[in-house]
Amino acid sequence: MPEPTEETTAKHRAAVAAMKGAKTAMDAVLERNAALERALASARDALIDAKRYIARDVYLYRSGGNEQQSVHQLIDAHVAQLQKVLG
């Protein structure tokens, strides 16, 4: 097997350094993703907990006061959206 040249060794070292950088960046992205998932799960759980303290006949007026929506329905919609994102 031929002896590696300085150029080949330098290319190899550069490639290894690039892979280490890519791995570090990937680890950072995965940690950020995990943190965002924890935040979404926490928001979902907070909405579910808050819903317990809100009467079923509480409504929110929307569109300049012409339309009303149940707060429970609104919370359920947001919880469903969060659950869809979380999987």
PDB file of N, CA and C in Angstrom:
ATOM      1  N   MET A   1       0.841  -1.169   0.000  1.00  0.00           N
ATOM      2  CA  MET A   1       0.000   0.000   0.000  1.00  0.00           C
ATOM      3  C   MET A   1       0.889   1.235   0.000  1.00  0.00           C
ATOM      4  N   PRO A   2       0.604   2.180  -0.909  1.00  0.00           N
ATOM      5  CA  PRO A   2       1.471   3.361  -0.999  1.00  0.00           C
ATOM      6  C   PRO A   2       1.336   4.249   0.241  1.00  0.00           C
ATOM      7  N   GLU A   3       2.404   4.909   0.528  1.00  0.00           N
ATOM      8  CA  GLU A   3       2.457   5.833   1.675  1.00  0.00           C
ATOM      9  C   GLU A   3       1.612   7.070   1.350  1.00  0.00           C
ATOM     10  N   PRO A   4       0.748   7.510   2.291  1.00  0.00           N
ATOM     11  CA  PRO A   4      -0.071   8.701   2.001  1.00  0.00           C
ATOM     12  C   PRO A   4       0.804   9.959   1.909  1.00  0.00           C
ATOM     13  N   THR A   5       0.457  10.792   0.964  1.00  0.00           N
ATOM     14  CA  THR A   5       1.213  12.033   0.795  1.00  0.00           C
ATOM     15  C   THR A   5       0.715  13.073   1.792  1.00  0.00           C
ATOM     16  N   GLU A   6       1.486  14.140   1.912  1.00  0.00           N
ATOM     17  CA  GLU A   6       1.075  15.213   2.826  1.00  0.00           C
ATOM     18  C   GLU A   6      -0.255  15.810   2.384  1.00  0.00           C
ATOM     19  N   GLU A   7      -0.447  15.904   1.091  1.00  0.00           N
ATOM     20  CA  GLU A   7      -1.697  16.463   0.552  1.00  0.00           C
ATOM     21  C   GLU A   7      -2.885  15.572   0.923  1.00  0.00           C
ATOM     22  N   THR A   8      -2.717  14.269   0.774  1.00  0.00           N
ATOM     23  CA  THR A   8      -3.774  13.327   1.122  1.00  0.00           C
ATOM     24  C   THR A   8      -4.080  13.395   2.612  1.00  0.00           C
ATOM     25  N   THR A   9      -3.050  13.471   3.421  1.00  0.00           N
ATOM     26  CA  THR A   9      -3.223  13.560   4.870  1.00  0.00           C
ATOM     27  C   THR A   9      -3.937  14.847   5.240  1.00  0.00           C
ATOM     28  N   ALA A  10      -3.584  15.945   4.598  1.00  0.00           N
ATOM     29  CA  ALA A  10      -4.226  17.228   4.878  1.00  0.00           C
ATOM     30  C   ALA A  10      -5.701  17.188   4.495  1.00  0.00           C
ATOM     31  N   LYS A  11      -6.006  16.586   3.348  1.00  0.00           N
ATOM     32  CA  LYS A  11      -7.405  16.458   2.919  1.00  0.00           C
ATOM     33  C   LYS A  11      -8.199  15.603   3.901  1.00  0.00           C
ATOM     34  N   HIS A  12      -7.558  14.527   4.350  1.00  0.00           N
ATOM     35  CA  HIS A  12      -8.212  13.640   5.316  1.00  0.00           C
ATOM     36  C   HIS A  12      -8.508  14.384   6.621  1.00  0.00           C
ATOM     37  N   ARG A  13      -7.526  15.137   7.107  1.00  0.00           N
ATOM     38  CA  ARG A  13      -7.726  15.904   8.349  1.00  0.00           C
ATOM     39  C   ARG A  13      -8.815  16.954   8.185  1.00  0.00           C
ATOM     40  N   ALA A  14      -8.847  17.600   7.026  1.00  0.00           N
ATOM     41  CA  ALA A  14      -9.885  18.607   6.764  1.00  0.00           C
ATOM     42  C   ALA A  14     -11.261  17.955   6.729  1.00  0.00           C
ATOM     43  N   ALA A  15     -11.338  16.770   6.116  1.00  0.00           N
ATOM     44  CA  ALA A  15     -12.610  16.060   6.052  1.00  0.00           C
ATOM     45  C   ALA A  15     -13.077  15.642   7.444  1.00  0.00           C
ATOM     46  N   VAL A  16     -12.160  15.175   8.275  1.00  0.00           N
ATOM     47  CA  VAL A  16     -12.493  14.775   9.640  1.00  0.00           C
ATOM     48  C   VAL A  16     -12.967  15.981  10.441  1.00  0.00           C
ATOM     49  N   ALA A  17     -12.282  17.119  10.287  1.00  0.00           N
ATOM     50  CA  ALA A  17     -12.685  18.340  10.985  1.00  0.00           C
ATOM     51  C   ALA A  17     -14.071  18.790  10.532  1.00  0.00           C
ATOM     52  N   ALA A  18     -14.342  18.689   9.238  1.00  0.00           N
ATOM     53  CA  ALA A  18     -15.668  19.064   8.719  1.00  0.00           C
ATOM     54  C   ALA A  18     -16.752  18.142   9.281  1.00  0.00           C
ATOM     55  N   MET A  19     -16.458  16.857   9.388  1.00  0.00           N
ATOM     56  CA  MET A  19     -17.427  15.909   9.946  1.00  0.00           C
ATOM     57  C   MET A  19     -17.686  16.203  11.415  1.00  0.00           C
ATOM     58  N   LYS A  20     -16.626  16.556  12.161  1.00  0.00           N
ATOM     59  CA  LYS A  20     -16.805  16.895  13.571  1.00  0.00           C
ATOM     60  C   LYS A  20     -17.670  18.141  13.708  1.00  0.00           C
ATOM     61  N   GLY A  21     -17.439  19.127  12.841  1.00  0.00           N
ATOM     62  CA  GLY A  21     -18.257  20.344  12.856  1.00  0.00           C
ATOM     63  C   GLY A  21     -19.709  20.051  12.519  1.00  0.00           C
ATOM     64  N   ALA A  22     -19.917  19.194  11.530  1.00  0.00           N
ATOM     65  CA  ALA A  22     -21.276  18.821  11.140  1.00  0.00           C
ATOM     66  C   ALA A  22     -21.977  18.069  12.270  1.00  0.00           C
ATOM     67  N   LYS A  23     -21.244  17.201  12.952  1.00  0.00           N
ATOM     68  CA  LYS A  23     -21.831  16.457  14.071  1.00  0.00           C
ATOM     69  C   LYS A  23     -22.216  17.402  15.204  1.00  0.00           C
ATOM     70  N   THR A  24     -21.370  18.366  15.505  1.00  0.00           N
ATOM     71  CA  THR A  24     -21.657  19.345  16.549  1.00  0.00           C
ATOM     72  C   THR A  24     -22.896  20.157  16.184  1.00  0.00           C
ATOM     73  N   ALA A  25     -22.982  20.580  14.919  1.00  0.00           N
ATOM     74  CA  ALA A  25     -24.152  21.343  14.465  1.00  0.00           C
ATOM     75  C   ALA A  25     -25.410  20.490  14.537  1.00  0.00           C
ATOM     76  N   MET A  26     -25.318  19.233  14.150  1.00  0.00           N
ATOM     77  CA  MET A  26     -26.468  18.334  14.189  1.00  0.00           C
ATOM     78  C   MET A  26     -26.928  18.118  15.633  1.00  0.00           C
ATOM     79  N   ASP A  27     -25.973  17.934  16.537  1.00  0.00           N
ATOM     80  CA  ASP A  27     -26.323  17.763  17.954  1.00  0.00           C
ATOM     81  C   ASP A  27     -27.041  19.001  18.485  1.00  0.00           C
ATOM     82  N   ALA A  28     -26.588  20.190  18.087  1.00  0.00           N
ATOM     83  CA  ALA A  28     -27.231  21.428  18.526  1.00  0.00           C
ATOM     84  C   ALA A  28     -28.657  21.521  17.991  1.00  0.00           C
ATOM     85  N   VAL A  29     -28.842  21.144  16.730  1.00  0.00           N
ATOM     86  CA  VAL A  29     -30.180  21.172  16.133  1.00  0.00           C
ATOM     87  C   VAL A  29     -31.103  20.168  16.827  1.00  0.00           C
ATOM     88  N   LEU A  30     -30.607  18.989  17.111  1.00  0.00           N
ATOM     89  CA  LEU A  30     -31.423  17.974  17.782  1.00  0.00           C
ATOM     90  C   LEU A  30     -31.802  18.418  19.198  1.00  0.00           C
ATOM     91  N   GLU A  31     -30.884  19.058  19.905  1.00  0.00           N
ATOM     92  CA  GLU A  31     -31.188  19.551  21.255  1.00  0.00           C
ATOM     93  C   GLU A  31     -32.222  20.670  21.199  1.00  0.00           C
ATOM     94  N   ARG A  32     -32.097  21.556  20.217  1.00  0.00           N
ATOM     95  CA  ARG A  32     -33.088  22.638  20.066  1.00  0.00           C
ATOM     96  C   ARG A  32     -34.452  22.051  19.744  1.00  0.00           C
ATOM     97  N   ASN A  33     -34.492  21.067  18.879  1.00  0.00           N
ATOM     98  CA  ASN A  33     -35.745  20.408  18.524  1.00  0.00           C
ATOM     99  C   ASN A  33     -36.380  19.768  19.760  1.00  0.00           C
ATOM    100  N   ALA A  34     -35.579  19.103  20.568  1.00  0.00           N
ATOM    101  CA  ALA A  34     -36.089  18.479  21.790  1.00  0.00           C
ATOM    102  C   ALA A  34     -36.625  19.539  22.752  1.00  0.00           C
ATOM    103  N   ALA A  35     -35.924  20.673  22.858  1.00  0.00           N
ATOM    104  CA  ALA A  35     -36.380  21.756  23.733  1.00  0.00           C
ATOM    105  C   ALA A  35     -37.701  22.335  23.241  1.00  0.00           C
ATOM    106  N   LEU A  36     -37.839  22.493  21.936  1.00  0.00           N
ATOM    107  CA  LEU A  36     -39.103  22.992  21.376  1.00  0.00           C
ATOM    108  C   LEU A  36     -40.244  22.007  21.611  1.00  0.00           C
ATOM    109  N   GLU A  37     -39.970  20.721  21.472  1.00  0.00           N
ATOM    110  CA  GLU A  37     -40.999  19.714  21.734  1.00  0.00           C
ATOM    111  C   GLU A  37     -41.421  19.740  23.196  1.00  0.00           C
ATOM    112  N   ARG A  38     -40.464  19.914  24.117  1.00  0.00           N
ATOM    113  CA  ARG A  38     -40.797  20.010  25.539  1.00  0.00           C
ATOM    114  C   ARG A  38     -41.660  21.247  25.803  1.00  0.00           C
ATOM    115  N   ALA A  39     -41.339  22.362  25.150  1.00  0.00           N
ATOM    116  CA  ALA A  39     -42.115  23.592  25.329  1.00  0.00           C
ATOM    117  C   ALA A  39     -43.534  23.427  24.799  1.00  0.00           C
ATOM    118  N   LEU A  40     -43.681  22.785  23.644  1.00  0.00           N
ATOM    119  CA  LEU A  40     -45.015  22.547  23.083  1.00  0.00           C
ATOM    120  C   LEU A  40     -45.827  21.616  23.978  1.00  0.00           C
ATOM    121  N   ALA A  41     -45.199  20.579  24.487  1.00  0.00           N
ATOM    122  CA  ALA A  41     -45.896  19.650  25.382  1.00  0.00           C
ATOM    123  C   ALA A  41     -46.311  20.359  26.661  1.00  0.00           C
ATOM    124  N   SER A  42     -45.463  21.236  27.157  1.00  0.00           N
ATOM    125  CA  SER A  42     -45.793  21.998  28.361  1.00  0.00           C
ATOM    126  C   SER A  42     -46.966  22.937  28.105  1.00  0.00           C
ATOM    127  N   ALA A  43     -46.990  23.590  26.952  1.00  0.00           N
ATOM    128  CA  ALA A  43     -48.107  24.473  26.595  1.00  0.00           C
ATOM    129  C   ALA A  43     -49.404  23.674  26.473  1.00  0.00           C
ATOM    130  N   ARG A  44     -49.334  22.511  25.850  1.00  0.00           N
ATOM    131  CA  ARG A  44     -50.508  21.649  25.728  1.00  0.00           C
ATOM    132  C   ARG A  44     -51.038  21.259  27.101  1.00  0.00           C
ATOM    133  N   ASP A  45     -50.150  20.836  27.974  1.00  0.00           N
ATOM    134  CA  ASP A  45     -50.552  20.420  29.316  1.00  0.00           C
ATOM    135  C   ASP A  45     -51.137  21.584  30.112  1.00  0.00           C
ATOM    136  N   ALA A  46     -50.565  22.785  29.946  1.00  0.00           N
ATOM    137  CA  ALA A  46     -51.077  23.966  30.650  1.00  0.00           C
ATOM    138  C   ALA A  46     -52.485  24.307  30.174  1.00  0.00           C
ATOM    139  N   LEU A  47     -52.729  24.187  28.874  1.00  0.00           N
ATOM    140  CA  LEU A  47     -54.079  24.448  28.354  1.00  0.00           C
ATOM    141  C   LEU A  47     -55.082  23.433  28.894  1.00  0.00           C
ATOM    142  N   ILE A  48     -54.680  22.179  28.932  1.00  0.00           N
ATOM    143  CA  ILE A  48     -55.572  21.134  29.455  1.00  0.00           C
ATOM    144  C   ILE A  48     -55.878  21.401  30.921  1.00  0.00           C
ATOM    145  N   ASP A  49     -54.865  21.777  31.691  1.00  0.00           N
ATOM    146  CA  ASP A  49     -55.080  22.089  33.109  1.00  0.00           C
ATOM    147  C   ASP A  49     -55.962  23.319  33.279  1.00  0.00           C
ATOM    148  N   ALA A  50     -55.730  24.358  32.499  1.00  0.00           N
ATOM    149  CA  ALA A  50     -56.518  25.590  32.609  1.00  0.00           C
ATOM    150  C   ALA A  50     -57.980  25.337  32.272  1.00  0.00           C
ATOM    151  N   LYS A  51     -58.229  24.442  31.328  1.00  0.00           N
ATOM    152  CA  LYS A  51     -59.596  24.143  30.896  1.00  0.00           C
ATOM    153  C   LYS A  51     -60.443  23.633  32.056  1.00  0.00           C
ATOM    154  N   ARG A  52     -59.810  22.952  33.002  1.00  0.00           N
ATOM    155  CA  ARG A  52     -60.543  22.412  34.152  1.00  0.00           C
ATOM    156  C   ARG A  52     -61.143  23.513  35.029  1.00  0.00           C
ATOM    157  N   TYR A  53     -60.544  24.691  34.998  1.00  0.00           N
ATOM    158  CA  TYR A  53     -60.978  25.783  35.860  1.00  0.00           C
ATOM    159  C   TYR A  53     -61.898  26.774  35.153  1.00  0.00           C
ATOM    160  N   ILE A  54     -62.234  26.489  33.898  1.00  0.00           N
ATOM    161  CA  ILE A  54     -63.092  27.381  33.116  1.00  0.00           C
ATOM    162  C   ILE A  54     -64.440  26.697  32.916  1.00  0.00           C
ATOM    163  N   ALA A  55     -65.493  27.402  33.260  1.00  0.00           N
ATOM    164  CA  ALA A  55     -66.840  26.844  33.108  1.00  0.00           C
ATOM    165  C   ALA A  55     -67.131  26.583  31.633  1.00  0.00           C
ATOM    166  N   ARG A  56     -67.964  25.576  31.381  1.00  0.00           N
ATOM    167  CA  ARG A  56     -68.277  25.199  30.002  1.00  0.00           C
ATOM    168  C   ARG A  56     -69.060  26.277  29.265  1.00  0.00           C
ATOM    169  N   ASP A  57     -69.757  27.140  29.981  1.00  0.00           N
ATOM    170  CA  ASP A  57     -70.576  28.153  29.315  1.00  0.00           C
ATOM    171  C   ASP A  57     -69.874  29.505  29.198  1.00  0.00           C
ATOM    172  N   VAL A  58     -68.559  29.500  29.197  1.00  0.00           N
ATOM    173  CA  VAL A  58     -67.784  30.725  28.989  1.00  0.00           C
ATOM    174  C   VAL A  58     -67.486  30.843  27.503  1.00  0.00           C
ATOM    175  N   TYR A  59     -67.804  32.018  26.963  1.00  0.00           N
ATOM    176  CA  TYR A  59     -67.622  32.245  25.531  1.00  0.00           C
ATOM    177  C   TYR A  59     -66.684  33.412  25.291  1.00  0.00           C
ATOM    178  N   LEU A  60     -66.068  33.384  24.147  1.00  0.00           N
ATOM    179  CA  LEU A  60     -65.161  34.431  23.705  1.00  0.00           C
ATOM    180  C   LEU A  60     -65.816  35.090  22.496  1.00  0.00           C
ATOM    181  N   TYR A  61     -65.896  36.408  22.515  1.00  0.00           N
ATOM    182  CA  TYR A  61     -66.497  37.116  21.384  1.00  0.00           C
ATOM    183  C   TYR A  61     -65.416  37.488  20.395  1.00  0.00           C
ATOM    184  N   ARG A  62     -65.672  37.172  19.137  1.00  0.00           N
ATOM    185  CA  ARG A  62     -64.694  37.395  18.078  1.00  0.00           C
ATOM    186  C   ARG A  62     -65.315  38.230  16.973  1.00  0.00           C
ATOM    187  N   SER A  63     -64.528  38.647  16.032  1.00  0.00           N
ATOM    188  CA  SER A  63     -64.974  39.404  14.854  1.00  0.00           C
ATOM    189  C   SER A  63     -65.784  40.633  15.250  1.00  0.00           C
ATOM    190  N   GLY A  64     -65.241  41.435  16.103  1.00  0.00           N
ATOM    191  CA  GLY A  64     -65.921  42.662  16.489  1.00  0.00           C
ATOM    192  C   GLY A  64     -67.128  42.425  17.374  1.00  0.00           C
ATOM    193  N   GLY A  65     -67.198  41.281  18.027  1.00  0.00           N
ATOM    194  CA  GLY A  65     -68.301  40.993  18.932  1.00  0.00           C
ATOM    195  C   GLY A  65     -69.508  40.345  18.273  1.00  0.00           C
ATOM    196  N   ASN A  66     -69.428  40.049  16.982  1.00  0.00           N
ATOM    197  CA  ASN A  66     -70.567  39.460  16.265  1.00  0.00           C
ATOM    198  C   ASN A  66     -70.584  37.940  16.324  1.00  0.00           C
ATOM    199  N   GLU A  67     -69.506  37.340  16.697  1.00  0.00           N
ATOM    200  CA  GLU A  67     -69.404  35.877  16.708  1.00  0.00           C
ATOM    201  C   GLU A  67     -68.873  35.447  18.072  1.00  0.00           C
ATOM    202  N   GLN A  68     -69.455  34.403  18.611  1.00  0.00           N
ATOM    203  CA  GLN A  68     -68.953  33.895  19.886  1.00  0.00           C
ATOM    204  C   GLN A  68     -68.488  32.455  19.715  1.00  0.00           C
ATOM    205  N   GLN A  69     -67.498  32.106  20.507  1.00  0.00           N
ATOM    206  CA  GLN A  69     -66.950  30.755  20.465  1.00  0.00           C
ATOM    207  C   GLN A  69     -66.723  30.302  21.896  1.00  0.00           C
ATOM    208  N   SER A  70     -67.049  29.059  22.151  1.00  0.00           N
ATOM    209  CA  SER A  70     -66.815  28.493  23.466  1.00  0.00           C
ATOM    210  C   SER A  70     -65.311  28.454  23.745  1.00  0.00           C
ATOM    211  N   VAL A  71     -64.925  28.877  24.935  1.00  0.00           N
ATOM    212  CA  VAL A  71     -63.524  28.832  25.316  1.00  0.00           C
ATOM    213  C   VAL A  71     -63.036  27.382  25.331  1.00  0.00           C
ATOM    214  N   HIS A  72     -63.911  26.456  25.740  1.00  0.00           N
ATOM    215  CA  HIS A  72     -63.539  25.041  25.734  1.00  0.00           C
ATOM    216  C   HIS A  72     -63.239  24.569  24.305  1.00  0.00           C
ATOM    217  N   GLN A  73     -64.056  25.011  23.340  1.00  0.00           N
ATOM    218  CA  GLN A  73     -63.801  24.628  21.947  1.00  0.00           C
ATOM    219  C   GLN A  73     -62.487  25.215  21.450  1.00  0.00           C
ATOM    220  N   LEU A  74     -62.218  26.448  21.837  1.00  0.00           N
ATOM    221  CA  LEU A  74     -60.978  27.091  21.430  1.00  0.00           C
ATOM    222  C   LEU A  74     -59.775  26.356  22.023  1.00  0.00           C
ATOM    223  N   ILE A  75     -59.858  26.012  23.297  1.00  0.00           N
ATOM    224  CA  ILE A  75     -58.766  25.271  23.943  1.00  0.00           C
ATOM    225  C   ILE A  75     -58.598  23.907  23.280  1.00  0.00           C
ATOM    226  N   ASP A  76     -59.708  23.227  23.021  1.00  0.00           N
ATOM    227  CA  ASP A  76     -59.635  21.914  22.372  1.00  0.00           C
ATOM    228  C   ASP A  76     -58.954  22.010  21.001  1.00  0.00           C
ATOM    229  N   ALA A  77     -59.263  23.074  20.256  1.00  0.00           N
ATOM    230  CA  ALA A  77     -58.654  23.256  18.936  1.00  0.00           C
ATOM    231  C   ALA A  77     -57.145  23.461  19.065  1.00  0.00           C
ATOM    232  N   HIS A  78     -56.742  24.268  20.036  1.00  0.00           N
ATOM    233  CA  HIS A  78     -55.305  24.504  20.223  1.00  0.00           C
ATOM    234  C   HIS A  78     -54.595  23.245  20.716  1.00  0.00           C
ATOM    235  N   VAL A  79     -55.231  22.507  21.610  1.00  0.00           N
ATOM    236  CA  VAL A  79     -54.639  21.261  22.105  1.00  0.00           C
ATOM    237  C   VAL A  79     -54.482  20.267  20.948  1.00  0.00           C
ATOM    238  N   ALA A  80     -55.490  20.179  20.091  1.00  0.00           N
ATOM    239  CA  ALA A  80     -55.420  19.269  18.943  1.00  0.00           C
ATOM    240  C   ALA A  80     -54.294  19.674  17.996  1.00  0.00           C
ATOM    241  N   GLN A  81     -54.129  20.972  17.796  1.00  0.00           N
ATOM    242  CA  GLN A  81     -53.061  21.446  16.918  1.00  0.00           C
ATOM    243  C   GLN A  81     -51.688  21.129  17.529  1.00  0.00           C
ATOM    244  N   LEU A  82     -51.545  21.345  18.821  1.00  0.00           N
ATOM    245  CA  LEU A  82     -50.284  21.015  19.478  1.00  0.00           C
ATOM    246  C   LEU A  82     -50.012  19.515  19.422  1.00  0.00           C
ATOM    247  N   GLN A  83     -51.046  18.710  19.644  1.00  0.00           N
ATOM    248  CA  GLN A  83     -50.870  17.259  19.611  1.00  0.00           C
ATOM    249  C   GLN A  83     -50.478  16.794  18.217  1.00  0.00           C
ATOM    250  N   LYS A  84     -51.040  17.439  17.198  1.00  0.00           N
ATOM    251  CA  LYS A  84     -50.699  17.071  15.821  1.00  0.00           C
ATOM    252  C   LYS A  84     -49.219  17.343  15.546  1.00  0.00           C
ATOM    253  N   VAL A  85     -48.721  18.477  16.027  1.00  0.00           N
ATOM    254  CA  VAL A  85     -47.312  18.814  15.824  1.00  0.00           C
ATOM    255  C   VAL A  85     -46.425  17.847  16.597  1.00  0.00           C
ATOM    256  N   LEU A  86     -46.852  17.501  17.822  1.00  0.00           N
ATOM    257  CA  LEU A  86     -46.043  16.621  18.657  1.00  0.00           C
ATOM    258  C   LEU A  86     -46.087  15.172  18.195  1.00  0.00           C
ATOM    259  N   GLY A  87     -47.145  14.820  17.466  1.00  0.00           N
ATOM    260  CA  GLY A  87     -47.255  13.449  16.951  1.00  0.00           C
ATOM    261  C   GLY A  87     -47.878  12.562  17.877  1.00  0.00           C
TER     262      GLY A  87
END
